[in-house]
Amino acid sequence: MLALSLAGSAYATAPVIPVFSGDGSPPKMFVHEGEQRGVLIDILNYADKQMPQQRFELSLYPWARAYMASASGQGGLLGISWTWRRDEVFDYSEPLFYDEVVIVVRKGHEFNYQSLSDLQGKTLGTVRGASFGNAFDRAHQDGVSSIEGDNGARNRLSKLAAGRIDCALFNVGKAGFQETLRLHKIPKSQWKNFVVLPVPLRRDPNYLAFPKTMQMGEWLGGFNEVIRQGYARGEIQKIIERNLYASQ
């Protein structure tokens, strides 16, 4: 558990707002060499500096654990997607970031993906506890496809390479998938074994949310204004570009 830091004694004594997020979704939020990194973490850090009246304390866990910690009232949840079911539990911020979720298959097993119905009969690998919106959840419940959860990208890549799953879902487009391969030190000679389908699963808005029991709705109004101004000034866009394209 690490507190996002800003110099100054007033900040050091400001009230703490606990926030949870996943630890295995590069380049959105992940741990690398003991350091919390990612697009969403940097956006939260940006907001933290603009709102010195409190400070965020961010803890990264496997997504299912982070979700349960937040849903039980222990703190906010960074990187959550919106669904009707979740909306009954959480108060949401405005979107912080739009995540292009891509479908990755083994080379030679490509197919024409245009809509969720094209996933009929396929087994999809994604982080345990993930959701990508109401339509995705409904398709899974209706038996269009099956989901095999995992605790991180390396496990998902291994399953895909071995043919144990048909498709793997990864965050932040083709650039994000390539960053995942780099972070997990997959030899470049093996990159050609994976193909990102040209049509993404969806462009998924990601939010900061708090359980309704914390009564953070009014506070989220001020947070949303910081995010709107950050986008208007181009400052958040620079954060996104730095995370996605610096290593290419």
C-alpha atoms as a PDB file:
ATOM      1  CA  MET A   1       0.000   0.000   0.000  1.00  0.00           C
ATOM      2  CA  LEU A   2       1.554   3.267  -1.137  1.00  0.00           C
ATOM      3  CA  ALA A   3       0.368   6.832  -0.638  1.00  0.00           C
ATOM      4  CA  LEU A   4       0.552   9.061  -3.685  1.00  0.00           C
ATOM      5  CA  SER A   5       2.937  11.764  -2.586  1.00  0.00           C
ATOM      6  CA  LEU A   6       3.045  15.548  -2.748  1.00  0.00           C
ATOM      7  CA  ALA A   7       5.564  17.599  -0.784  1.00  0.00           C
ATOM      8  CA  GLY A   8       4.378  19.758   2.119  1.00  0.00           C
ATOM      9  CA  SER A   9       3.388  19.206   5.716  1.00  0.00           C
ATOM     10  CA  ALA A  10      -0.233  20.258   5.097  1.00  0.00           C
ATOM     11  CA  TYR A  11      -0.585  17.546   2.494  1.00  0.00           C
ATOM     12  CA  ALA A  12       1.077  14.986   4.748  1.00  0.00           C
ATOM     13  CA  THR A  13      -1.622  15.547   7.381  1.00  0.00           C
ATOM     14  CA  ALA A  14      -4.549  15.788   4.920  1.00  0.00           C
ATOM     15  CA  PRO A  15      -7.339  13.210   5.213  1.00  0.00           C
ATOM     16  CA  VAL A  16      -6.594   9.950   3.400  1.00  0.00           C
ATOM     17  CA  ILE A  17      -8.957   8.491   0.792  1.00  0.00           C
ATOM     18  CA  PRO A  18      -8.224   4.775   0.269  1.00  0.00           C
ATOM     19  CA  VAL A  19      -8.415   3.591  -3.348  1.00  0.00           C
ATOM     20  CA  PHE A  20      -7.987   0.069  -4.720  1.00  0.00           C
ATOM     21  CA  SER A  21      -7.136  -1.137  -8.205  1.00  0.00           C
ATOM     22  CA  GLY A  22      -5.828  -4.142 -10.113  1.00  0.00           C
ATOM     23  CA  ASP A  23      -2.146  -5.017 -10.259  1.00  0.00           C
ATOM     24  CA  GLY A  24      -1.938  -6.846 -13.581  1.00  0.00           C
ATOM     25  CA  SER A  25      -3.360  -4.755 -16.441  1.00  0.00           C
ATOM     26  CA  PRO A  26      -0.475  -2.934 -18.140  1.00  0.00           C
ATOM     27  CA  PRO A  27      -0.333  -0.248 -19.266  1.00  0.00           C
ATOM     28  CA  LYS A  28      -3.392   0.866 -17.239  1.00  0.00           C
ATOM     29  CA  MET A  29      -2.494  -0.188 -13.705  1.00  0.00           C
ATOM     30  CA  PHE A  30       0.179  -2.676 -12.685  1.00  0.00           C
ATOM     31  CA  VAL A  31       3.218  -3.276 -10.517  1.00  0.00           C
ATOM     32  CA  HIS A  32       6.645  -3.354 -12.165  1.00  0.00           C
ATOM     33  CA  GLU A  33       9.804  -3.906 -10.138  1.00  0.00           C
ATOM     34  CA  GLY A  34       7.916  -2.963  -6.987  1.00  0.00           C
ATOM     35  CA  GLU A  35       6.579   0.298  -8.420  1.00  0.00           C
ATOM     36  CA  GLN A  36       2.948   1.195  -9.109  1.00  0.00           C
ATOM     37  CA  ARG A  37       2.675   2.275 -12.731  1.00  0.00           C
ATOM     38  CA  GLY A  38       0.142   2.910 -15.469  1.00  0.00           C
ATOM     39  CA  VAL A  39      -2.115   5.366 -17.265  1.00  0.00           C
ATOM     40  CA  LEU A  40      -4.857   5.348 -14.632  1.00  0.00           C
ATOM     41  CA  ILE A  41      -2.412   5.594 -11.749  1.00  0.00           C
ATOM     42  CA  ASP A  42      -0.784   8.650 -13.319  1.00  0.00           C
ATOM     43  CA  ILE A  43      -4.199  10.237 -13.908  1.00  0.00           C
ATOM     44  CA  LEU A  44      -5.100   9.632 -10.268  1.00  0.00           C
ATOM     45  CA  ASN A  45      -1.752  11.081  -9.214  1.00  0.00           C
ATOM     46  CA  TYR A  46      -2.494  14.135 -11.379  1.00  0.00           C
ATOM     47  CA  ALA A  47      -5.852  14.632  -9.632  1.00  0.00           C
ATOM     48  CA  ASP A  48      -4.158  14.098  -6.269  1.00  0.00           C
ATOM     49  CA  LYS A  49      -1.853  17.043  -6.900  1.00  0.00           C
ATOM     50  CA  GLN A  50      -4.778  19.247  -7.947  1.00  0.00           C
ATOM     51  CA  MET A  51      -6.740  18.414  -4.787  1.00  0.00           C
ATOM     52  CA  PRO A  52      -4.366  18.977  -1.829  1.00  0.00           C
ATOM     53  CA  GLN A  53      -7.235  19.043   0.675  1.00  0.00           C
ATOM     54  CA  GLN A  54      -6.968  15.243   0.795  1.00  0.00           C
ATOM     55  CA  ARG A  55      -4.595  12.550  -0.431  1.00  0.00           C
ATOM     56  CA  PHE A  56      -5.208   9.210  -2.085  1.00  0.00           C
ATOM     57  CA  GLU A  57      -3.736   6.014  -0.695  1.00  0.00           C
ATOM     58  CA  LEU A  58      -3.635   3.482  -3.507  1.00  0.00           C
ATOM     59  CA  SER A  59      -3.398  -0.282  -3.015  1.00  0.00           C
ATOM     60  CA  LEU A  60      -2.992  -2.666  -5.963  1.00  0.00           C
ATOM     61  CA  TYR A  61      -4.225  -6.266  -5.747  1.00  0.00           C
ATOM     62  CA  PRO A  62      -5.537  -8.894  -8.147  1.00  0.00           C
ATOM     63  CA  TRP A  63      -8.663  -7.307  -9.618  1.00  0.00           C
ATOM     64  CA  ALA A  64     -11.204  -9.579  -7.906  1.00  0.00           C
ATOM     65  CA  ARG A  65      -9.677  -8.785  -4.505  1.00  0.00           C
ATOM     66  CA  ALA A  66      -9.542  -5.040  -5.226  1.00  0.00           C
ATOM     67  CA  TYR A  67     -13.191  -5.101  -6.321  1.00  0.00           C
ATOM     68  CA  MET A  68     -14.332  -6.893  -3.174  1.00  0.00           C
ATOM     69  CA  ALA A  69     -12.358  -4.558  -0.912  1.00  0.00           C
ATOM     70  CA  SER A  70     -14.041  -1.545  -2.482  1.00  0.00           C
ATOM     71  CA  ALA A  71     -17.518  -3.044  -2.715  1.00  0.00           C
ATOM     72  CA  SER A  72     -17.351  -3.876   1.000  1.00  0.00           C
ATOM     73  CA  GLY A  73     -16.903  -0.168   1.773  1.00  0.00           C
ATOM     74  CA  GLN A  74     -13.154   0.033   2.376  1.00  0.00           C
ATOM     75  CA  GLY A  75     -12.382   2.589  -0.347  1.00  0.00           C
ATOM     76  CA  GLY A  76     -12.685   3.639  -3.975  1.00  0.00           C
ATOM     77  CA  LEU A  77     -12.050   1.511  -7.045  1.00  0.00           C
ATOM     78  CA  LEU A  78      -9.893   2.762  -9.922  1.00  0.00           C
ATOM     79  CA  GLY A  79     -10.385   1.418 -13.441  1.00  0.00           C
ATOM     80  CA  ILE A  80     -13.908   0.046 -13.072  1.00  0.00           C
ATOM     81  CA  SER A  81     -16.249  -0.315 -16.055  1.00  0.00           C
ATOM     82  CA  TRP A  82     -19.921   0.599 -15.799  1.00  0.00           C
ATOM     83  CA  THR A  83     -22.702  -1.987 -15.688  1.00  0.00           C
ATOM     84  CA  TRP A  84     -26.269  -1.820 -14.408  1.00  0.00           C
ATOM     85  CA  ARG A  85     -25.408  -4.258 -11.632  1.00  0.00           C
ATOM     86  CA  ARG A  86     -22.387  -2.257 -10.487  1.00  0.00           C
ATOM     87  CA  ASP A  87     -24.336   0.994 -10.665  1.00  0.00           C
ATOM     88  CA  GLU A  88     -26.483  -0.297  -7.811  1.00  0.00           C
ATOM     89  CA  VAL A  89     -23.363  -0.544  -5.630  1.00  0.00           C
ATOM     90  CA  PHE A  90     -21.110   2.333  -6.724  1.00  0.00           C
ATOM     91  CA  ASP A  91     -21.177   6.084  -7.364  1.00  0.00           C
ATOM     92  CA  TYR A  92     -19.136   6.788 -10.507  1.00  0.00           C
ATOM     93  CA  SER A  93     -16.880   9.626 -11.600  1.00  0.00           C
ATOM     94  CA  GLU A  94     -16.867  10.847 -15.163  1.00  0.00           C
ATOM     95  CA  PRO A  95     -14.710   8.669 -17.465  1.00  0.00           C
ATOM     96  CA  LEU A  96     -11.003   9.007 -16.732  1.00  0.00           C
ATOM     97  CA  PHE A  97      -9.790   7.079 -19.746  1.00  0.00           C
ATOM     98  CA  TYR A  98     -11.216   5.148 -22.702  1.00  0.00           C
ATOM     99  CA  ASP A  99      -9.709   1.695 -22.921  1.00  0.00           C
ATOM    100  CA  GLU A 100      -9.713  -0.047 -26.298  1.00  0.00           C
ATOM    101  CA  VAL A 101     -10.075  -3.694 -25.306  1.00  0.00           C
ATOM    102  CA  VAL A 102      -8.566  -5.902 -28.011  1.00  0.00           C
ATOM    103  CA  ILE A 103      -8.987  -9.570 -28.889  1.00  0.00           C
ATOM    104  CA  VAL A 104      -5.748 -11.515 -29.339  1.00  0.00           C
ATOM    105  CA  VAL A 105      -5.583 -14.949 -30.981  1.00  0.00           C
ATOM    106  CA  ARG A 106      -2.865 -17.381 -32.029  1.00  0.00           C
ATOM    107  CA  LYS A 107      -1.494 -16.852 -35.516  1.00  0.00           C
ATOM    108  CA  GLY A 108      -3.413 -19.052 -37.923  1.00  0.00           C
ATOM    109  CA  HIS A 109      -6.570 -18.894 -35.794  1.00  0.00           C
ATOM    110  CA  GLU A 110      -7.783 -15.462 -36.868  1.00  0.00           C
ATOM    111  CA  PHE A 111     -11.506 -14.933 -37.480  1.00  0.00           C
ATOM    112  CA  ASN A 112     -13.734 -12.089 -38.608  1.00  0.00           C
ATOM    113  CA  TYR A 113     -14.900 -10.311 -35.469  1.00  0.00           C
ATOM    114  CA  GLN A 114     -17.556  -7.633 -35.895  1.00  0.00           C
ATOM    115  CA  SER A 115     -19.888  -8.162 -32.924  1.00  0.00           C
ATOM    116  CA  LEU A 116     -20.213 -10.237 -29.764  1.00  0.00           C
ATOM    117  CA  SER A 117     -22.156 -12.900 -31.662  1.00  0.00           C
ATOM    118  CA  ASP A 118     -18.931 -13.707 -33.533  1.00  0.00           C
ATOM    119  CA  LEU A 119     -17.527 -15.077 -30.255  1.00  0.00           C
ATOM    120  CA  GLN A 120     -20.060 -17.926 -30.308  1.00  0.00           C
ATOM    121  CA  GLY A 121     -18.563 -21.076 -28.796  1.00  0.00           C
ATOM    122  CA  LYS A 122     -15.197 -19.504 -27.990  1.00  0.00           C
ATOM    123  CA  THR A 123     -13.374 -19.480 -24.658  1.00  0.00           C
ATOM    124  CA  LEU A 124     -12.089 -16.028 -23.702  1.00  0.00           C
ATOM    125  CA  GLY A 125      -9.266 -15.354 -21.272  1.00  0.00           C
ATOM    126  CA  THR A 126      -9.353 -12.229 -19.127  1.00  0.00           C
ATOM    127  CA  VAL A 127      -8.475 -11.120 -15.636  1.00  0.00           C
ATOM    128  CA  ARG A 128     -10.664 -12.750 -12.991  1.00  0.00           C
ATOM    129  CA  GLY A 129     -13.693 -10.629 -12.072  1.00  0.00           C
ATOM    130  CA  ALA A 130     -13.462  -8.355 -15.141  1.00  0.00           C
ATOM    131  CA  SER A 131     -16.487  -6.956 -16.935  1.00  0.00           C
ATOM    132  CA  PHE A 132     -16.637  -5.025 -20.199  1.00  0.00           C
ATOM    133  CA  GLY A 133     -20.150  -3.649 -20.039  1.00  0.00           C
ATOM    134  CA  ASN A 134     -23.720  -4.908 -20.027  1.00  0.00           C
ATOM    135  CA  ALA A 135     -23.699  -6.389 -23.538  1.00  0.00           C
ATOM    136  CA  PHE A 136     -20.564  -8.417 -22.809  1.00  0.00           C
ATOM    137  CA  ASP A 137     -21.974  -9.701 -19.507  1.00  0.00           C
ATOM    138  CA  ARG A 138     -25.283 -10.573 -21.159  1.00  0.00           C
ATOM    139  CA  ALA A 139     -23.563 -12.489 -23.974  1.00  0.00           C
ATOM    140  CA  HIS A 140     -21.604 -14.498 -21.427  1.00  0.00           C
ATOM    141  CA  GLN A 141     -24.739 -15.234 -19.361  1.00  0.00           C
ATOM    142  CA  ASP A 142     -26.566 -16.318 -22.518  1.00  0.00           C
ATOM    143  CA  GLY A 143     -23.825 -18.813 -23.294  1.00  0.00           C
ATOM    144  CA  VAL A 144     -22.448 -17.104 -26.393  1.00  0.00           C
ATOM    145  CA  SER A 145     -18.934 -17.586 -25.055  1.00  0.00           C
ATOM    146  CA  SER A 146     -17.247 -18.861 -21.918  1.00  0.00           C
ATOM    147  CA  ILE A 147     -14.828 -16.950 -19.707  1.00  0.00           C
ATOM    148  CA  GLU A 148     -11.657 -18.292 -18.134  1.00  0.00           C
ATOM    149  CA  GLY A 149     -10.357 -15.895 -15.488  1.00  0.00           C
ATOM    150  CA  ASP A 150      -6.755 -15.447 -14.450  1.00  0.00           C
ATOM    151  CA  ASN A 151      -4.622 -13.290 -12.188  1.00  0.00           C
ATOM    152  CA  GLY A 152      -2.486 -11.677 -14.859  1.00  0.00           C
ATOM    153  CA  ALA A 153      -1.314 -11.327 -18.425  1.00  0.00           C
ATOM    154  CA  ARG A 154       1.513 -13.886 -18.291  1.00  0.00           C
ATOM    155  CA  ASN A 155      -0.885 -16.671 -17.337  1.00  0.00           C
ATOM    156  CA  ARG A 156      -3.259 -15.558 -20.097  1.00  0.00           C
ATOM    157  CA  LEU A 157      -0.503 -15.557 -22.706  1.00  0.00           C
ATOM    158  CA  SER A 158       0.601 -19.039 -21.672  1.00  0.00           C
ATOM    159  CA  LYS A 159      -2.942 -20.374 -21.977  1.00  0.00           C
ATOM    160  CA  LEU A 160      -3.372 -18.783 -25.391  1.00  0.00           C
ATOM    161  CA  ALA A 161      -0.052 -20.108 -26.686  1.00  0.00           C
ATOM    162  CA  ALA A 162      -0.966 -23.610 -25.498  1.00  0.00           C
ATOM    163  CA  GLY A 163      -4.421 -23.466 -27.109  1.00  0.00           C
ATOM    164  CA  ARG A 164      -6.229 -23.713 -23.766  1.00  0.00           C
ATOM    165  CA  ILE A 165      -8.253 -20.600 -24.653  1.00  0.00           C
ATOM    166  CA  ASP A 166      -9.370 -19.351 -28.066  1.00  0.00           C
ATOM    167  CA  CYS A 167      -8.938 -15.625 -27.436  1.00  0.00           C
ATOM    168  CA  ALA A 168      -7.298 -13.393 -24.855  1.00  0.00           C
ATOM    169  CA  LEU A 169      -8.530  -9.912 -23.972  1.00  0.00           C
ATOM    170  CA  PHE A 170      -5.999  -7.155 -23.344  1.00  0.00           C
ATOM    171  CA  ASN A 171      -6.228  -3.479 -22.476  1.00  0.00           C
ATOM    172  CA  VAL A 172      -5.336  -0.270 -24.297  1.00  0.00           C
ATOM    173  CA  GLY A 173      -5.262  -1.452 -27.881  1.00  0.00           C
ATOM    174  CA  LYS A 174      -2.392  -2.908 -29.872  1.00  0.00           C
ATOM    175  CA  ALA A 175       0.068  -0.534 -28.197  1.00  0.00           C
ATOM    176  CA  GLY A 176      -1.039  -1.784 -24.804  1.00  0.00           C
ATOM    177  CA  PHE A 177      -0.693  -5.417 -25.844  1.00  0.00           C
ATOM    178  CA  GLN A 178       2.827  -4.819 -27.130  1.00  0.00           C
ATOM    179  CA  GLU A 179       3.700  -3.092 -23.853  1.00  0.00           C
ATOM    180  CA  THR A 180       2.396  -6.177 -22.032  1.00  0.00           C
ATOM    181  CA  LEU A 181       4.706  -8.388 -24.096  1.00  0.00           C
ATOM    182  CA  ARG A 182       7.640  -6.119 -23.281  1.00  0.00           C
ATOM    183  CA  LEU A 183       6.918  -5.973 -19.561  1.00  0.00           C
ATOM    184  CA  HIS A 184       6.670  -9.743 -19.338  1.00  0.00           C
ATOM    185  CA  LYS A 185       9.877 -10.122 -21.343  1.00  0.00           C
ATOM    186  CA  ILE A 186       8.323 -12.227 -24.064  1.00  0.00           C
ATOM    187  CA  PRO A 187      11.079 -12.682 -26.703  1.00  0.00           C
ATOM    188  CA  LYS A 188      10.370 -10.646 -29.829  1.00  0.00           C
ATOM    189  CA  SER A 189      10.783 -13.818 -31.864  1.00  0.00           C
ATOM    190  CA  GLN A 190       7.543 -15.045 -30.238  1.00  0.00           C
ATOM    191  CA  TRP A 191       5.499 -11.897 -30.856  1.00  0.00           C
ATOM    192  CA  LYS A 192       4.609 -13.156 -34.330  1.00  0.00           C
ATOM    193  CA  ASN A 193       2.722 -16.052 -32.714  1.00  0.00           C
ATOM    194  CA  PHE A 194       0.003 -13.635 -31.539  1.00  0.00           C
ATOM    195  CA  VAL A 195      -2.374 -11.594 -33.679  1.00  0.00           C
ATOM    196  CA  VAL A 196      -4.490  -8.634 -32.539  1.00  0.00           C
ATOM    197  CA  LEU A 197      -7.805  -8.725 -34.393  1.00  0.00           C
ATOM    198  CA  PRO A 198      -8.455  -5.441 -36.225  1.00  0.00           C
ATOM    199  CA  VAL A 199     -11.850  -4.739 -34.594  1.00  0.00           C
ATOM    200  CA  PRO A 200     -11.629  -4.239 -30.813  1.00  0.00           C
ATOM    201  CA  LEU A 201     -14.068  -5.865 -28.403  1.00  0.00           C
ATOM    202  CA  ARG A 202     -15.133  -2.383 -27.314  1.00  0.00           C
ATOM    203  CA  ARG A 203     -13.944   1.092 -26.382  1.00  0.00           C
ATOM    204  CA  ASP A 204     -14.516   0.813 -22.664  1.00  0.00           C
ATOM    205  CA  PRO A 205     -14.746   3.924 -20.443  1.00  0.00           C
ATOM    206  CA  ASN A 206     -12.883   3.464 -17.143  1.00  0.00           C
ATOM    207  CA  TYR A 207     -13.908   5.297 -13.972  1.00  0.00           C
ATOM    208  CA  LEU A 208     -13.071   5.997 -10.362  1.00  0.00           C
ATOM    209  CA  ALA A 209     -15.996   4.772  -8.258  1.00  0.00           C
ATOM    210  CA  PHE A 210     -16.881   4.598  -4.595  1.00  0.00           C
ATOM    211  CA  PRO A 211     -19.364   2.329  -2.841  1.00  0.00           C
ATOM    212  CA  LYS A 212     -22.576   4.203  -2.122  1.00  0.00           C
ATOM    213  CA  THR A 213     -22.105   3.488   1.586  1.00  0.00           C
ATOM    214  CA  MET A 214     -19.175   5.955   1.593  1.00  0.00           C
ATOM    215  CA  GLN A 215     -21.447   8.802   0.379  1.00  0.00           C
ATOM    216  CA  MET A 216     -18.826  10.276  -1.965  1.00  0.00           C
ATOM    217  CA  GLY A 217     -21.256  11.607  -4.564  1.00  0.00           C
ATOM    218  CA  GLU A 218     -20.764  15.272  -3.687  1.00  0.00           C
ATOM    219  CA  TRP A 219     -16.981  14.859  -3.456  1.00  0.00           C
ATOM    220  CA  LEU A 220     -16.957  13.277  -6.927  1.00  0.00           C
ATOM    221  CA  GLY A 221     -18.349  16.561  -8.310  1.00  0.00           C
ATOM    222  CA  GLY A 222     -15.083  18.339  -7.447  1.00  0.00           C
ATOM    223  CA  PHE A 223     -13.016  15.415  -8.694  1.00  0.00           C
ATOM    224  CA  ASN A 224     -14.892  15.454 -12.012  1.00  0.00           C
ATOM    225  CA  GLU A 225     -14.123  19.149 -12.470  1.00  0.00           C
ATOM    226  CA  VAL A 226     -10.405  18.442 -12.029  1.00  0.00           C
ATOM    227  CA  ILE A 227     -10.600  15.714 -14.680  1.00  0.00           C
ATOM    228  CA  ARG A 228     -12.530  17.941 -17.103  1.00  0.00           C
ATOM    229  CA  GLN A 229      -9.972  20.732 -16.727  1.00  0.00           C
ATOM    230  CA  GLY A 230      -7.109  18.281 -17.127  1.00  0.00           C
ATOM    231  CA  TYR A 231      -8.508  17.137 -20.454  1.00  0.00           C
ATOM    232  CA  ALA A 232      -9.337  20.697 -21.562  1.00  0.00           C
ATOM    233  CA  ARG A 233      -5.739  21.796 -20.933  1.00  0.00           C
ATOM    234  CA  GLY A 234      -4.317  18.730 -22.681  1.00  0.00           C
ATOM    235  CA  GLU A 235      -2.507  17.625 -19.536  1.00  0.00           C
ATOM    236  CA  ILE A 236      -4.223  14.253 -19.180  1.00  0.00           C
ATOM    237  CA  GLN A 237      -3.752  13.528 -22.880  1.00  0.00           C
ATOM    238  CA  LYS A 238      -0.011  13.986 -22.354  1.00  0.00           C
ATOM    239  CA  ILE A 239      -0.154  11.472 -19.481  1.00  0.00           C
ATOM    240  CA  ILE A 240      -1.873   8.962 -21.771  1.00  0.00           C
ATOM    241  CA  GLU A 241       0.605   9.447 -24.600  1.00  0.00           C
ATOM    242  CA  ARG A 242       3.578   9.184 -22.238  1.00  0.00           C
ATOM    243  CA  ASN A 243       2.361   5.826 -20.943  1.00  0.00           C
ATOM    244  CA  LEU A 244       1.349   4.358 -24.278  1.00  0.00           C
ATOM    245  CA  TYR A 245       4.010   5.500 -26.665  1.00  0.00           C
ATOM    246  CA  ALA A 246       7.202   6.349 -24.758  1.00  0.00           C
ATOM    247  CA  SER A 247       8.573   2.817 -25.019  1.00  0.00           C
ATOM    248  CA  GLN A 248       7.804   2.279 -28.697  1.00  0.00           C
END
